[in-house]
Protein backbone atom coordinates (compact mmCIF):
# COMPACT_ATOMS: atom_id res chain seq x y z
CA UNK A 1 2.66 7.25 -23.71
CA UNK A 2 3.85 3.93 -22.85
CA UNK A 3 1.49 1.88 -20.16
CA UNK A 4 2.05 1.73 -16.87
CA UNK A 5 3.37 -2.63 -16.49
CA UNK A 6 1.12 -4.32 -14.49
CA UNK A 7 2.42 -5.82 -10.80
CA UNK A 8 1.29 -8.80 -9.38
CA UNK A 9 2.65 -10.06 -5.95
CA UNK A 10 3.75 -13.24 -4.41
CA UNK A 11 3.66 -13.32 -0.60
CA UNK A 12 6.07 -15.91 1.31
CA UNK A 13 4.75 -18.23 3.71
CA UNK A 14 5.84 -17.07 7.38
CA UNK A 15 4.04 -17.67 10.59
CA UNK A 16 3.52 -14.30 12.20
CA UNK A 17 5.70 -12.71 10.10
CA UNK A 18 3.08 -12.46 7.27
CA UNK A 19 2.44 -9.12 8.92
CA UNK A 20 5.23 -7.44 7.04
CA UNK A 21 3.25 -8.85 4.47
CA UNK A 22 0.03 -7.06 5.30
CA UNK A 23 2.68 -3.80 5.70
CA UNK A 24 3.57 -3.76 3.06
CA UNK A 25 0.29 -3.81 0.82
CA UNK A 26 -0.91 -0.72 3.23
CA UNK A 27 2.17 0.77 1.85
CA UNK A 28 1.08 0.53 -1.46
CA UNK A 29 -2.80 0.91 -1.77
CA UNK A 30 -1.03 4.76 0.24
CA UNK A 31 1.46 5.13 -2.73
CA UNK A 32 -1.14 4.26 -5.72
CA UNK A 33 0.81 0.96 -7.09
CA UNK A 34 -2.46 -1.31 -9.07
CA UNK A 35 -2.18 -4.93 -8.10
CA UNK A 36 -2.76 -7.13 -11.12
CA UNK A 37 -3.28 -10.71 -8.61
CA UNK A 38 -1.82 -11.78 -6.23
CA UNK A 39 -0.58 -16.12 -5.06
CA UNK A 40 -0.34 -16.81 -1.40
CA UNK A 41 0.97 -19.69 0.96
CA UNK A 42 0.77 -19.95 4.52
CA UNK A 43 0.23 -16.56 6.14
CA UNK A 44 0.70 -15.10 2.72
CA UNK A 45 -2.17 -16.75 1.49
CA UNK A 46 -4.42 -14.79 4.80
CA UNK A 47 -2.90 -11.34 4.19
CA UNK A 48 -3.91 -11.64 0.13
CA UNK A 49 -7.66 -13.41 0.68
CA UNK A 50 -8.08 -10.16 3.59
CA UNK A 51 -6.53 -7.63 1.50
CA UNK A 52 -8.38 -9.09 -1.43
CA UNK A 53 -11.73 -9.30 0.75
CA UNK A 54 -11.20 -5.64 1.59
CA UNK A 55 -10.35 -6.53 5.40
CA UNK A 56 -8.72 -4.25 7.40
CA UNK A 57 -5.61 -4.88 7.49
CA UNK A 58 -3.81 -2.89 10.61
CA UNK A 59 -7.53 -4.58 12.39
CA UNK A 60 -6.51 -7.96 11.04
CA UNK A 61 -2.82 -7.17 12.63
CA UNK A 62 -3.97 -5.44 16.40
CA UNK A 63 -6.29 -8.91 16.33
CA UNK A 64 -3.23 -11.43 16.01
CA UNK A 65 -0.73 -9.78 18.36
CA UNK A 66 -3.63 -9.93 21.13
CA UNK A 67 -3.75 -13.59 21.18
CA UNK A 68 -1.47 -15.40 23.48
CA UNK A 69 1.82 -17.16 22.21
CA UNK A 70 -0.12 -20.83 22.69
CA UNK A 71 -3.26 -19.72 20.19
CA UNK A 72 -0.04 -20.07 17.58
CA UNK A 73 0.19 -23.83 18.30
CA UNK A 74 -4.05 -24.40 18.24
CA UNK A 75 -5.05 -26.14 15.24
CA UNK A 76 -8.69 -26.69 14.45
CA UNK A 77 -9.06 -29.62 16.56
CA UNK A 78 -6.93 -32.64 16.63
CA UNK A 79 -2.90 -30.79 16.23
CA UNK A 80 -0.31 -30.39 19.11
CA UNK A 81 -2.75 -29.17 21.07
CA UNK A 82 -6.42 -28.20 20.00
CA UNK A 83 -8.49 -25.43 19.50
CA UNK A 84 -10.52 -23.11 18.11
CA UNK A 85 -9.42 -19.38 18.12
CA UNK A 86 -6.86 -19.00 15.33
CA UNK A 87 -9.06 -20.17 13.01
CA UNK A 88 -11.65 -18.68 14.43
CA UNK A 89 -9.87 -15.19 13.56
CA UNK A 90 -8.89 -16.63 10.40
CA UNK A 91 -12.69 -16.97 8.78
CA UNK A 92 -13.76 -14.00 10.38
CA UNK A 93 -10.29 -11.96 8.98
CA UNK A 94 -12.22 -12.94 5.30
CA UNK A 95 -15.08 -10.36 4.76
CA UNK A 96 -15.66 -12.43 1.51
CA UNK A 97 -16.13 -16.16 1.53
CA UNK A 98 -15.79 -16.91 -2.71
CA UNK A 99 -12.57 -16.70 -4.36
CA UNK A 100 -14.43 -14.97 -7.53
CA UNK A 101 -15.67 -12.54 -5.78
CA UNK A 102 -12.19 -10.82 -4.38
CA UNK A 103 -11.71 -7.64 -6.02
CA UNK A 104 -8.05 -8.78 -7.95
CA UNK A 105 -7.47 -12.90 -8.80
CA UNK A 106 -6.15 -14.30 -6.30
CA UNK A 107 -4.41 -18.06 -6.08
CA UNK A 108 -3.84 -20.12 -2.52
CA UNK A 109 -1.43 -23.18 -2.44
CA UNK A 110 -1.83 -25.58 0.06
CA UNK A 111 0.38 -29.21 -0.06
CA UNK A 112 -1.71 -32.59 -0.33
CA UNK A 113 -0.09 -34.08 2.21
CA UNK A 114 -0.37 -38.03 0.26
CA UNK A 115 1.28 -36.45 -2.64
CA UNK A 116 3.07 -33.82 -1.42
CA UNK A 117 2.71 -31.85 -3.88
CA UNK A 118 1.40 -28.35 -4.01
CA UNK A 119 -1.97 -27.41 -4.87
CA UNK A 120 -3.02 -24.60 -6.42
CA UNK A 121 -6.62 -22.98 -4.68
CA UNK A 122 -8.44 -20.05 -7.00
CA UNK A 123 -12.62 -20.85 -7.54
CA UNK A 124 -15.10 -21.70 -5.31
CA UNK A 125 -15.17 -21.46 -1.44
CA UNK A 126 -12.25 -19.18 0.33
CA UNK A 127 -11.49 -19.54 4.00
CA UNK A 128 -11.33 -23.52 4.25
CA UNK A 129 -8.50 -23.58 1.75
CA UNK A 130 -6.75 -20.67 3.66
CA UNK A 131 -7.20 -22.70 6.45
CA UNK A 132 -5.42 -25.84 4.79
CA UNK A 133 -2.24 -23.15 3.29
CA UNK A 134 -1.75 -22.29 7.17
CA UNK A 135 -1.65 -25.81 8.83
CA UNK A 136 1.78 -26.48 10.29
CA UNK A 137 1.88 -29.97 10.02
CA UNK A 138 2.90 -31.75 13.68
CA UNK A 139 1.46 -28.46 14.74
CA UNK A 140 -1.93 -28.17 13.01
CA UNK A 141 -3.95 -29.96 11.40
CA UNK A 142 -4.68 -31.34 8.52
CA UNK A 143 -7.62 -29.52 6.42
CA UNK A 144 -10.22 -31.55 4.74
CA UNK A 145 -11.00 -30.57 1.16
CA UNK A 146 -13.46 -32.69 -1.04
CA UNK A 147 -11.86 -36.21 0.29
CA UNK A 148 -8.26 -34.74 0.24
CA UNK A 149 -6.17 -33.56 3.12
CA UNK A 150 -4.44 -30.47 2.53
CA UNK A 151 -1.71 -28.70 4.82
CA UNK A 152 0.93 -25.34 5.03
CA UNK A 153 1.68 -24.54 1.27
CA UNK A 154 5.59 -23.94 2.44
CA UNK A 155 5.85 -27.21 2.55
CA UNK A 156 5.75 -27.52 -0.77
CA UNK A 157 6.65 -24.29 -1.94
CA UNK A 158 7.63 -21.48 -0.07
CA UNK A 159 7.19 -18.14 -1.94
CA UNK A 160 4.96 -19.23 -5.83
CA UNK A 161 7.13 -16.59 -7.57
CA UNK A 162 6.83 -19.15 -10.33
CA UNK A 163 2.73 -18.70 -9.85
CA UNK A 164 2.75 -15.52 -9.71
CA UNK A 165 4.79 -15.47 -13.31
CA UNK A 166 2.16 -17.84 -15.04
CA UNK A 167 -0.62 -15.07 -13.73
CA UNK A 168 1.25 -11.85 -14.65
CA UNK A 169 2.42 -13.15 -18.35
CA UNK A 170 4.80 -11.18 -20.25
CA UNK A 171 3.84 -8.09 -19.51
CA UNK A 172 3.80 -8.27 -16.02
CA UNK A 173 6.01 -6.83 -13.54
CA UNK A 174 6.12 -10.15 -10.66
CA UNK A 175 7.06 -8.63 -6.55
CA UNK A 176 8.14 -11.02 -4.09
CA UNK A 177 7.81 -10.30 -0.46
CA UNK A 178 10.13 -12.39 1.66
CA UNK A 179 9.15 -12.18 5.31
CA UNK A 180 11.85 -15.02 6.00
CA UNK A 181 15.18 -13.22 5.05
CA UNK A 182 15.34 -10.31 6.95
CA UNK A 183 15.08 -12.47 10.45
CA UNK A 184 17.58 -13.01 12.91
CA UNK A 185 15.95 -16.89 14.68
CA UNK A 186 16.83 -16.49 18.86
CA UNK A 187 17.84 -19.75 20.87
CA UNK A 188 15.76 -23.02 19.87
CA UNK A 189 15.31 -24.87 23.17
CA UNK A 190 11.61 -26.57 23.70
CA UNK A 191 10.52 -29.64 21.17
CA UNK A 192 8.13 -26.65 19.46
CA UNK A 193 10.80 -24.11 19.00
CA UNK A 194 13.50 -27.17 17.63
CA UNK A 195 10.47 -28.33 15.22
CA UNK A 196 10.06 -24.72 14.18
CA UNK A 197 13.60 -24.23 13.53
CA UNK A 198 14.16 -27.11 11.00
CA UNK A 199 11.17 -26.24 9.02
CA UNK A 200 12.31 -22.82 8.32
CA UNK A 201 16.13 -23.51 7.59
CA UNK A 202 14.79 -25.99 5.25
CA UNK A 203 11.96 -23.35 3.83
CA UNK A 204 14.52 -20.94 3.92
CA UNK A 205 17.15 -22.83 1.49
CA UNK A 206 14.36 -23.69 -1.34
CA UNK A 207 13.00 -20.09 -1.06
CA UNK A 208 16.50 -18.44 -2.10
CA UNK A 209 16.26 -20.92 -5.86
CA UNK A 210 12.24 -19.80 -6.58
CA UNK A 211 12.76 -16.05 -5.64
CA UNK A 212 15.31 -16.12 -8.10
CA UNK A 213 12.50 -15.67 -10.63
CA UNK A 214 11.02 -12.24 -9.29
CA UNK A 215 12.02 -9.04 -10.96
CA UNK A 216 11.63 -7.56 -7.13
CA UNK A 217 12.28 -8.81 -4.14
CA UNK A 218 10.98 -7.43 -1.19
CA UNK A 219 12.75 -8.27 2.49
CA UNK A 220 11.90 -6.61 5.53
CA UNK A 221 14.62 -6.33 8.14
CA UNK A 222 12.81 -7.58 10.73
CA UNK A 223 15.42 -8.22 13.25
CA UNK A 224 15.16 -11.31 15.88
CA UNK A 225 11.95 -12.68 16.54
CA UNK A 226 10.00 -16.29 16.17
CA UNK A 227 7.08 -17.74 15.08
CA UNK A 228 5.22 -17.65 18.31
CA UNK A 229 5.74 -14.04 19.81
CA UNK A 230 2.56 -12.44 18.97
CA UNK A 231 2.96 -8.98 20.70
CA UNK A 232 6.22 -8.90 17.53
CA UNK A 233 3.58 -8.45 14.77
CA UNK A 234 3.05 -4.90 14.85
CA UNK A 235 6.94 -4.78 14.85
CA UNK A 236 6.81 -6.91 11.43
CA UNK A 237 3.98 -4.66 10.23
CA UNK A 238 5.78 -1.62 10.42
CA UNK A 239 9.17 -3.48 9.00
CA UNK A 240 6.76 -4.47 5.77
CA UNK A 241 5.79 -0.03 5.93
CA UNK A 242 9.42 0.84 5.61
CA UNK A 243 11.04 -1.95 3.01
CA UNK A 244 7.91 -1.04 0.32
CA UNK A 245 9.29 2.99 1.22
CA UNK A 246 12.92 1.93 0.64
CA UNK A 247 11.72 -0.14 -2.52
CA UNK A 248 9.50 2.43 -3.92
CA UNK A 249 11.34 4.20 -6.16
CA UNK A 250 12.38 0.57 -8.14
CA UNK A 251 9.21 -0.23 -7.77
CA UNK A 252 8.38 2.59 -9.71
CA UNK A 253 10.90 2.31 -12.44
CA UNK A 254 10.17 -1.17 -13.00
CA UNK A 255 6.32 0.05 -13.34
CA UNK A 256 7.16 2.96 -16.52
CA UNK A 257 10.05 0.37 -17.69
CA UNK A 258 9.75 -3.17 -16.75
CA UNK A 259 13.03 -4.96 -15.61
CA UNK A 260 15.88 -4.74 -17.27
CA UNK A 261 17.22 -7.28 -18.88
CA UNK A 262 20.31 -9.53 -18.27
CA UNK A 263 23.04 -10.54 -20.64
CA UNK A 264 21.90 -9.33 -23.65
CA UNK A 265 18.80 -10.47 -22.45
CA UNK A 266 18.60 -13.93 -22.73
CA UNK A 267 16.95 -14.75 -19.04
CA UNK A 268 15.60 -12.61 -16.53
CA UNK A 269 17.53 -10.05 -13.76
CA UNK A 270 18.52 -11.86 -10.30
CA UNK A 271 16.01 -10.87 -8.07
CA UNK A 272 17.13 -8.29 -5.97
CA UNK A 273 16.35 -7.83 -1.98
CA UNK A 274 15.55 -4.51 -0.52
CA UNK A 275 17.00 -4.40 2.83
CA UNK A 276 14.75 -2.38 5.36
CA UNK A 277 16.97 1.02 4.87
CA UNK A 278 18.11 1.23 1.47
CA UNK A 279 16.93 0.51 -1.71
CA UNK A 280 19.84 -0.76 -4.57
CA UNK A 281 19.93 0.04 -7.94
CA UNK A 282 21.57 -1.73 -10.25
């Protein structure tokens, strides 16, 4: 019998939309899909660390949805506004405080403020790297770790597919969870909304190239949304669950057979986008 191929996940950044990652993970567990490792960026880093630490993702979603909208632009002192509620929620959502104690290998990507280069955290203390990866520049202040300043990992890498490919090796299946492609953004009128929109536009352009390295892309369709609507977070979670249900037949095929070769096996196949209600096969 051919051994099943392990699944490795790339969790993109995307603010509150990262709740869709939690929905996908809950459904994967329910379907008995084993995960070999995860790399997360920004909100994806929080979900990856919470899941691998054994946190209840439904509780995390419920807690995040109860926050006041302006809490999402309150950092841990010194940002656009000041405050600690979101930082405290991140800490409370991570029951394990060291990378080495997580149930699967997890890597967290942040961006070095002074060089603009991505930095991967994978050992030692966990909570500060996650907070660093979630620190959207201009809204949250940078996190200082070992004398270096870090902010949102998505500034350097929106979807860490390349990192996951390294983790998976030749025998693993790389699945990217993209929480940005399936979202329609409302009108941007305020200064903060315009700044966020500009950031999202840049992220989407870069993420297309990054996603092409995955064997499968799951992109939940979440309709019109905004990062500053915590009340919509449960809907994002449900969109992730539905997207995984639609992708499950293709995911099981990949686990059993591996990716189909493209162009005579000379390169890996282009990633597929799995919409909300159907799974497209080649």
